[in-house]
Amino acid sequence: MAQQHEIVSPLPGTFYRRPSPDAAPFVEAGTSVESGTVVGLVEVMKQFNDVEAGIAGRVIEILVDDGEPVDAGQVLMRIEE
């Protein structure tokens, strides 16, 4: 049976799904990722922090919109192994 893993925000700040406003999102639902794949950014006081998958699998759900404020520990997306 497939196992689900949650990717959480490492810090409070603003979550971005893309590296720049005119770029494509890092991942979409259905995207396969490897451990260490950057899946988003959290910006805190103009410092951008990579959010990495941490595990290989497939993104099954994205819970936060681009530009949405997040709290530390908030679930951003789910990955299925």
PDB file of N, CA and C in Angstrom:
ATOM      1  N   MET A   1       0.845  -1.201   0.000  1.00  0.00           N
ATOM      2  CA  MET A   1       0.000   0.000   0.000  1.00  0.00           C
ATOM      3  C   MET A   1       0.878   1.248   0.000  1.00  0.00           C
ATOM      4  N   ALA A   2       0.492   2.223  -0.774  1.00  0.00           N
ATOM      5  CA  ALA A   2       1.269   3.464  -0.855  1.00  0.00           C
ATOM      6  C   ALA A   2       1.175   4.231   0.455  1.00  0.00           C
ATOM      7  N   GLN A   3       2.276   4.849   0.809  1.00  0.00           N
ATOM      8  CA  GLN A   3       2.334   5.620   2.046  1.00  0.00           C
ATOM      9  C   GLN A   3       2.400   7.108   1.712  1.00  0.00           C
ATOM     10  N   GLN A   4       1.653   7.919   2.478  1.00  0.00           N
ATOM     11  CA  GLN A   4       1.655   9.363   2.255  1.00  0.00           C
ATOM     12  C   GLN A   4       2.583  10.057   3.235  1.00  0.00           C
ATOM     13  N   HIS A   5       3.250  11.088   2.744  1.00  0.00           N
ATOM     14  CA  HIS A   5       4.124  11.908   3.568  1.00  0.00           C
ATOM     15  C   HIS A   5       3.733  13.361   3.378  1.00  0.00           C
ATOM     16  N   GLU A   6       3.810  14.123   4.464  1.00  0.00           N
ATOM     17  CA  GLU A   6       3.476  15.544   4.397  1.00  0.00           C
ATOM     18  C   GLU A   6       4.744  16.370   4.313  1.00  0.00           C
ATOM     19  N   ILE A   7       4.734  17.362   3.441  1.00  0.00           N
ATOM     20  CA  ILE A   7       5.814  18.347   3.383  1.00  0.00           C
ATOM     21  C   ILE A   7       5.303  19.565   4.130  1.00  0.00           C
ATOM     22  N   VAL A   8       6.057  19.986   5.143  1.00  0.00           N
ATOM     23  CA  VAL A   8       5.613  21.109   5.971  1.00  0.00           C
ATOM     24  C   VAL A   8       6.547  22.304   5.793  1.00  0.00           C
ATOM     25  N   SER A   9       6.019  23.476   6.099  1.00  0.00           N
ATOM     26  CA  SER A   9       6.820  24.696   6.018  1.00  0.00           C
ATOM     27  C   SER A   9       7.851  24.707   7.145  1.00  0.00           C
ATOM     28  N   PRO A  10       9.114  24.978   6.821  1.00  0.00           N
ATOM     29  CA  PRO A  10      10.148  25.020   7.857  1.00  0.00           C
ATOM     30  C   PRO A  10      10.080  26.294   8.710  1.00  0.00           C
ATOM     31  N   LEU A  11       9.422  27.327   8.171  1.00  0.00           N
ATOM     32  CA  LEU A  11       9.399  28.642   8.812  1.00  0.00           C
ATOM     33  C   LEU A  11       8.062  29.316   8.560  1.00  0.00           C
ATOM     34  N   PRO A  12       7.698  30.299   9.391  1.00  0.00           N
ATOM     35  CA  PRO A  12       6.543  31.130   9.045  1.00  0.00           C
ATOM     36  C   PRO A  12       6.964  32.130   7.968  1.00  0.00           C
ATOM     37  N   GLY A  13       6.085  32.409   7.037  1.00  0.00           N
ATOM     38  CA  GLY A  13       6.421  33.362   5.972  1.00  0.00           C
ATOM     39  C   GLY A  13       5.416  33.268   4.850  1.00  0.00           C
ATOM     40  N   THR A  14       5.869  33.545   3.632  1.00  0.00           N
ATOM     41  CA  THR A  14       5.022  33.488   2.445  1.00  0.00           C
ATOM     42  C   THR A  14       5.503  32.342   1.568  1.00  0.00           C
ATOM     43  N   PHE A  15       4.580  31.462   1.185  1.00  0.00           N
ATOM     44  CA  PHE A  15       4.924  30.304   0.360  1.00  0.00           C
ATOM     45  C   PHE A  15       4.799  30.661  -1.113  1.00  0.00           C
ATOM     46  N   TYR A  16       5.814  30.294  -1.874  1.00  0.00           N
ATOM     47  CA  TYR A  16       5.789  30.499  -3.325  1.00  0.00           C
ATOM     48  C   TYR A  16       5.965  29.163  -4.023  1.00  0.00           C
ATOM     49  N   ARG A  17       5.076  28.900  -4.989  1.00  0.00           N
ATOM     50  CA  ARG A  17       5.130  27.650  -5.751  1.00  0.00           C
ATOM     51  C   ARG A  17       6.044  27.733  -6.958  1.00  0.00           C
ATOM     52  N   ARG A  18       6.557  28.944  -7.249  1.00  0.00           N
ATOM     53  CA  ARG A  18       7.394  29.123  -8.446  1.00  0.00           C
ATOM     54  C   ARG A  18       8.619  29.963  -8.082  1.00  0.00           C
ATOM     55  N   PRO A  19       9.725  29.799  -8.809  1.00  0.00           N
ATOM     56  CA  PRO A  19      10.954  30.521  -8.483  1.00  0.00           C
ATOM     57  C   PRO A  19      10.899  32.019  -8.773  1.00  0.00           C
ATOM     58  N   SER A  20      10.028  32.420  -9.716  1.00  0.00           N
ATOM     59  CA  SER A  20       9.842  33.837 -10.023  1.00  0.00           C
ATOM     60  C   SER A  20       8.426  33.990 -10.581  1.00  0.00           C
ATOM     61  N   PRO A  21       7.880  35.217 -10.577  1.00  0.00           N
ATOM     62  CA  PRO A  21       6.484  35.403 -10.998  1.00  0.00           C
ATOM     63  C   PRO A  21       6.155  34.906 -12.404  1.00  0.00           C
ATOM     64  N   ASP A  22       7.125  34.925 -13.303  1.00  0.00           N
ATOM     65  CA  ASP A  22       6.840  34.506 -14.678  1.00  0.00           C
ATOM     66  C   ASP A  22       7.309  33.082 -14.983  1.00  0.00           C
ATOM     67  N   ALA A  23       7.745  32.346 -13.962  1.00  0.00           N
ATOM     68  CA  ALA A  23       8.225  30.973 -14.156  1.00  0.00           C
ATOM     69  C   ALA A  23       7.113  29.967 -13.875  1.00  0.00           C
ATOM     70  N   ALA A  24       7.295  28.766 -14.385  1.00  0.00           N
ATOM     71  CA  ALA A  24       6.352  27.681 -14.103  1.00  0.00           C
ATOM     72  C   ALA A  24       6.525  27.224 -12.652  1.00  0.00           C
ATOM     73  N   PRO A  25       5.473  26.670 -12.055  1.00  0.00           N
ATOM     74  CA  PRO A  25       5.595  26.149 -10.685  1.00  0.00           C
ATOM     75  C   PRO A  25       6.662  25.053 -10.598  1.00  0.00           C
ATOM     76  N   PHE A  26       7.259  24.936  -9.415  1.00  0.00           N
ATOM     77  CA  PHE A  26       8.256  23.876  -9.188  1.00  0.00           C
ATOM     78  C   PHE A  26       7.638  22.506  -9.443  1.00  0.00           C
ATOM     79  N   VAL A  27       6.449  22.268  -8.888  1.00  0.00           N
ATOM     80  CA  VAL A  27       5.754  20.984  -9.057  1.00  0.00           C
ATOM     81  C   VAL A  27       4.251  21.232  -9.169  1.00  0.00           C
ATOM     82  N   GLU A  28       3.574  20.244  -9.728  1.00  0.00           N
ATOM     83  CA  GLU A  28       2.113  20.218  -9.783  1.00  0.00           C
ATOM     84  C   GLU A  28       1.668  18.887  -9.198  1.00  0.00           C
ATOM     85  N   ALA A  29       0.391  18.754  -8.892  1.00  0.00           N
ATOM     86  CA  ALA A  29      -0.138  17.452  -8.482  1.00  0.00           C
ATOM     87  C   ALA A  29       0.148  16.464  -9.607  1.00  0.00           C
ATOM     88  N   GLY A  30       0.679  15.308  -9.253  1.00  0.00           N
ATOM     89  CA  GLY A  30       1.040  14.301 -10.243  1.00  0.00           C
ATOM     90  C   GLY A  30       2.511  14.288 -10.597  1.00  0.00           C
ATOM     91  N   THR A  31       3.253  15.328 -10.214  1.00  0.00           N
ATOM     92  CA  THR A  31       4.685  15.404 -10.500  1.00  0.00           C
ATOM     93  C   THR A  31       5.446  14.392  -9.648  1.00  0.00           C
ATOM     94  N   SER A  32       6.349  13.643 -10.269  1.00  0.00           N
ATOM     95  CA  SER A  32       7.228  12.747  -9.521  1.00  0.00           C
ATOM     96  C   SER A  32       8.435  13.545  -9.038  1.00  0.00           C
ATOM     97  N   VAL A  33       8.827  13.303  -7.787  1.00  0.00           N
ATOM     98  CA  VAL A  33       9.950  14.020  -7.192  1.00  0.00           C
ATOM     99  C   VAL A  33      10.927  13.037  -6.562  1.00  0.00           C
ATOM    100  N   GLU A  34      12.155  13.487  -6.417  1.00  0.00           N
ATOM    101  CA  GLU A  34      13.184  12.741  -5.702  1.00  0.00           C
ATOM    102  C   GLU A  34      13.407  13.414  -4.361  1.00  0.00           C
ATOM    103  N   SER A  35      14.019  12.711  -3.436  1.00  0.00           N
ATOM    104  CA  SER A  35      14.400  13.321  -2.169  1.00  0.00           C
ATOM    105  C   SER A  35      15.334  14.484  -2.480  1.00  0.00           C
ATOM    106  N   GLY A  36      15.074  15.651  -1.932  1.00  0.00           N
ATOM    107  CA  GLY A  36      15.914  16.824  -2.196  1.00  0.00           C
ATOM    108  C   GLY A  36      15.394  17.717  -3.309  1.00  0.00           C
ATOM    109  N   THR A  37      14.364  17.278  -4.037  1.00  0.00           N
ATOM    110  CA  THR A  37      13.764  18.128  -5.067  1.00  0.00           C
ATOM    111  C   THR A  37      13.128  19.348  -4.405  1.00  0.00           C
ATOM    112  N   VAL A  38      13.434  20.535  -4.934  1.00  0.00           N
ATOM    113  CA  VAL A  38      12.817  21.758  -4.417  1.00  0.00           C
ATOM    114  C   VAL A  38      11.379  21.812  -4.926  1.00  0.00           C
ATOM    115  N   VAL A  39      10.420  21.917  -3.981  1.00  0.00           N
ATOM    116  CA  VAL A  39       9.004  21.929  -4.350  1.00  0.00           C
ATOM    117  C   VAL A  39       8.357  23.286  -4.114  1.00  0.00           C
ATOM    118  N   GLY A  40       9.105  24.213  -3.494  1.00  0.00           N
ATOM    119  CA  GLY A  40       8.579  25.546  -3.237  1.00  0.00           C
ATOM    120  C   GLY A  40       9.582  26.373  -2.467  1.00  0.00           C
ATOM    121  N   LEU A  41       9.206  27.613  -2.174  1.00  0.00           N
ATOM    122  CA  LEU A  41      10.046  28.535  -1.409  1.00  0.00           C
ATOM    123  C   LEU A  41       9.202  29.160  -0.306  1.00  0.00           C
ATOM    124  N   VAL A  42       9.849  29.412   0.844  1.00  0.00           N
ATOM    125  CA  VAL A  42       9.208  30.207   1.890  1.00  0.00           C
ATOM    126  C   VAL A  42      10.060  31.455   2.069  1.00  0.00           C
ATOM    127  N   GLU A  43       9.425  32.610   1.905  1.00  0.00           N
ATOM    128  CA  GLU A  43      10.136  33.895   2.013  1.00  0.00           C
ATOM    129  C   GLU A  43       9.851  34.508   3.378  1.00  0.00           C
ATOM    130  N   VAL A  44      10.935  34.853   4.058  1.00  0.00           N
ATOM    131  CA  VAL A  44      10.847  35.522   5.354  1.00  0.00           C
ATOM    132  C   VAL A  44      11.777  36.728   5.291  1.00  0.00           C
ATOM    133  N   MET A  45      11.225  37.920   5.383  1.00  0.00           N
ATOM    134  CA  MET A  45      12.024  39.155   5.376  1.00  0.00           C
ATOM    135  C   MET A  45      13.048  39.179   4.231  1.00  0.00           C
ATOM    136  N   LYS A  46      12.570  38.893   3.029  1.00  0.00           N
ATOM    137  CA  LYS A  46      13.361  38.915   1.787  1.00  0.00           C
ATOM    138  C   LYS A  46      14.413  37.798   1.702  1.00  0.00           C
ATOM    139  N   GLN A  47      14.370  36.845   2.608  1.00  0.00           N
ATOM    140  CA  GLN A  47      15.234  35.660   2.528  1.00  0.00           C
ATOM    141  C   GLN A  47      14.379  34.498   2.012  1.00  0.00           C
ATOM    142  N   PHE A  48      14.830  33.882   0.927  1.00  0.00           N
ATOM    143  CA  PHE A  48      14.076  32.782   0.331  1.00  0.00           C
ATOM    144  C   PHE A  48      14.692  31.454   0.761  1.00  0.00           C
ATOM    145  N   ASN A  49      13.867  30.596   1.341  1.00  0.00           N
ATOM    146  CA  ASN A  49      14.304  29.298   1.852  1.00  0.00           C
ATOM    147  C   ASN A  49      13.665  28.188   1.024  1.00  0.00           C
ATOM    148  N   ASP A  50      14.505  27.294   0.489  1.00  0.00           N
ATOM    149  CA  ASP A  50      13.995  26.169  -0.293  1.00  0.00           C
ATOM    150  C   ASP A  50      13.180  25.234   0.589  1.00  0.00           C
ATOM    151  N   VAL A  51      12.098  24.737   0.038  1.00  0.00           N
ATOM    152  CA  VAL A  51      11.340  23.660   0.671  1.00  0.00           C
ATOM    153  C   VAL A  51      11.583  22.432  -0.203  1.00  0.00           C
ATOM    154  N   GLU A  52      12.155  21.378   0.384  1.00  0.00           N
ATOM    155  CA  GLU A  52      12.516  20.183  -0.371  1.00  0.00           C
ATOM    156  C   GLU A  52      11.562  19.038  -0.070  1.00  0.00           C
ATOM    157  N   ALA A  53      11.454  18.119  -1.027  1.00  0.00           N
ATOM    158  CA  ALA A  53      10.551  16.984  -0.874  1.00  0.00           C
ATOM    159  C   ALA A  53      10.952  16.102   0.302  1.00  0.00           C
ATOM    160  N   GLY A  54      12.238  15.803   0.442  1.00  0.00           N
ATOM    161  CA  GLY A  54      12.682  14.960   1.551  1.00  0.00           C
ATOM    162  C   GLY A  54      12.473  13.478   1.325  1.00  0.00           C
ATOM    163  N   ILE A  55      11.701  13.120   0.318  1.00  0.00           N
ATOM    164  CA  ILE A  55      11.436  11.714   0.015  1.00  0.00           C
ATOM    165  C   ILE A  55      11.049  11.596  -1.455  1.00  0.00           C
ATOM    166  N   ALA A  56      11.375  10.461  -2.059  1.00  0.00           N
ATOM    167  CA  ALA A  56      10.987  10.242  -3.451  1.00  0.00           C
ATOM    168  C   ALA A  56       9.534   9.788  -3.504  1.00  0.00           C
ATOM    169  N   GLY A  57       8.819  10.266  -4.501  1.00  0.00           N
ATOM    170  CA  GLY A  57       7.420   9.869  -4.664  1.00  0.00           C
ATOM    171  C   GLY A  57       6.727  10.751  -5.663  1.00  0.00           C
ATOM    172  N   ARG A  58       5.403  10.826  -5.528  1.00  0.00           N
ATOM    173  CA  ARG A  58       4.578  11.607  -6.451  1.00  0.00           C
ATOM    174  C   ARG A  58       3.742  12.582  -5.639  1.00  0.00           C
ATOM    175  N   VAL A  59       3.732  13.841  -6.072  1.00  0.00           N
ATOM    176  CA  VAL A  59       2.919  14.857  -5.397  1.00  0.00           C
ATOM    177  C   VAL A  59       1.459  14.518  -5.657  1.00  0.00           C
ATOM    178  N   ILE A  60       0.681  14.342  -4.574  1.00  0.00           N
ATOM    179  CA  ILE A  60      -0.729  13.991  -4.762  1.00  0.00           C
ATOM    180  C   ILE A  60      -1.671  15.131  -4.395  1.00  0.00           C
ATOM    181  N   GLU A  61      -1.162  16.094  -3.604  1.00  0.00           N
ATOM    182  CA  GLU A  61      -2.043  17.186  -3.185  1.00  0.00           C
ATOM    183  C   GLU A  61      -1.198  18.400  -2.814  1.00  0.00           C
ATOM    184  N   ILE A  62      -1.589  19.570  -3.306  1.00  0.00           N
ATOM    185  CA  ILE A  62      -0.946  20.834  -2.945  1.00  0.00           C
ATOM    186  C   ILE A  62      -1.986  21.632  -2.167  1.00  0.00           C
ATOM    187  N   LEU A  63      -1.658  21.973  -0.926  1.00  0.00           N
ATOM    188  CA  LEU A  63      -2.637  22.545  -0.010  1.00  0.00           C
ATOM    189  C   LEU A  63      -2.545  24.056   0.147  1.00  0.00           C
ATOM    190  N   VAL A  64      -1.485  24.657  -0.397  1.00  0.00           N
ATOM    191  CA  VAL A  64      -1.265  26.097  -0.215  1.00  0.00           C
ATOM    192  C   VAL A  64      -1.098  26.752  -1.584  1.00  0.00           C
ATOM    193  N   ASP A  65      -1.763  27.873  -1.779  1.00  0.00           N
ATOM    194  CA  ASP A  65      -1.659  28.609  -3.044  1.00  0.00           C
ATOM    195  C   ASP A  65      -0.377  29.433  -3.088  1.00  0.00           C
ATOM    196  N   ASP A  66       0.035  29.773  -4.294  1.00  0.00           N
ATOM    197  CA  ASP A  66       1.199  30.639  -4.508  1.00  0.00           C
ATOM    198  C   ASP A  66       0.956  31.999  -3.855  1.00  0.00           C
ATOM    199  N   GLY A  67       1.914  32.451  -3.041  1.00  0.00           N
ATOM    200  CA  GLY A  67       1.805  33.757  -2.399  1.00  0.00           C
ATOM    201  C   GLY A  67       1.018  33.760  -1.104  1.00  0.00           C
ATOM    202  N   GLU A  68       0.633  32.586  -0.627  1.00  0.00           N
ATOM    203  CA  GLU A  68      -0.182  32.481   0.585  1.00  0.00           C
ATOM    204  C   GLU A  68       0.704  32.479   1.840  1.00  0.00           C
ATOM    205  N   PRO A  69       0.294  33.188   2.904  1.00  0.00           N
ATOM    206  CA  PRO A  69       1.065  33.140   4.150  1.00  0.00           C
ATOM    207  C   PRO A  69       0.952  31.760   4.801  1.00  0.00           C
ATOM    208  N   VAL A  70       2.061  31.296   5.394  1.00  0.00           N
ATOM    209  CA  VAL A  70       2.081  29.993   6.058  1.00  0.00           C
ATOM    210  C   VAL A  70       2.732  30.114   7.432  1.00  0.00           C
ATOM    211  N   ASP A  71       2.419  29.152   8.283  1.00  0.00           N
ATOM    212  CA  ASP A  71       3.042  29.052   9.599  1.00  0.00           C
ATOM    213  C   ASP A  71       4.071  27.933   9.582  1.00  0.00           C
ATOM    214  N   ALA A  72       5.029  27.986  10.497  1.00  0.00           N
ATOM    215  CA  ALA A  72       5.988  26.898  10.644  1.00  0.00           C
ATOM    216  C   ALA A  72       5.224  25.626  10.988  1.00  0.00           C
ATOM    217  N   GLY A  73       5.539  24.545  10.297  1.00  0.00           N
ATOM    218  CA  GLY A  73       4.889  23.272  10.550  1.00  0.00           C
ATOM    219  C   GLY A  73       3.599  23.063   9.779  1.00  0.00           C
ATOM    220  N   GLN A  74       3.135  24.086   9.063  1.00  0.00           N
ATOM    221  CA  GLN A  74       1.908  23.942   8.266  1.00  0.00           C
ATOM    222  C   GLN A  74       2.166  23.005   7.093  1.00  0.00           C
ATOM    223  N   VAL A  75       1.213  22.115   6.838  1.00  0.00           N
ATOM    224  CA  VAL A  75       1.345  21.174   5.714  1.00  0.00           C
ATOM    225  C   VAL A  75       1.156  21.935   4.402  1.00  0.00           C
ATOM    226  N   LEU A  76       2.154  21.814   3.521  1.00  0.00           N
ATOM    227  CA  LEU A  76       2.122  22.485   2.219  1.00  0.00           C
ATOM    228  C   LEU A  76       1.614  21.573   1.122  1.00  0.00           C
ATOM    229  N   MET A  77       2.062  20.318   1.166  1.00  0.00           N
ATOM    230  CA  MET A  77       1.659  19.343   0.161  1.00  0.00           C
ATOM    231  C   MET A  77       1.873  17.948   0.688  1.00  0.00           C
ATOM    232  N   ARG A  78       1.263  16.996  -0.019  1.00  0.00           N
ATOM    233  CA  ARG A  78       1.413  15.592   0.345  1.00  0.00           C
ATOM    234  C   ARG A  78       2.040  14.833  -0.809  1.00  0.00           C
ATOM    235  N   ILE A  79       2.902  13.888  -0.454  1.00  0.00           N
ATOM    236  CA  ILE A  79       3.584  13.037  -1.426  1.00  0.00           C
ATOM    237  C   ILE A  79       3.245  11.594  -1.110  1.00  0.00           C
ATOM    238  N   GLU A  80       3.049  10.811  -2.145  1.00  0.00           N
ATOM    239  CA  GLU A  80       2.795   9.385  -1.993  1.00  0.00           C
ATOM    240  C   GLU A  80       4.029   8.631  -2.463  1.00  0.00           C
ATOM    241  N   GLU A  81       4.497   7.709  -1.629  1.00  0.00           N
ATOM    242  CA  GLU A  81       5.672   6.903  -1.989  1.00  0.00           C
ATOM    243  C   GLU A  81       5.335   5.898  -3.059  1.00  0.00           C
TER     244      GLU A  81
END
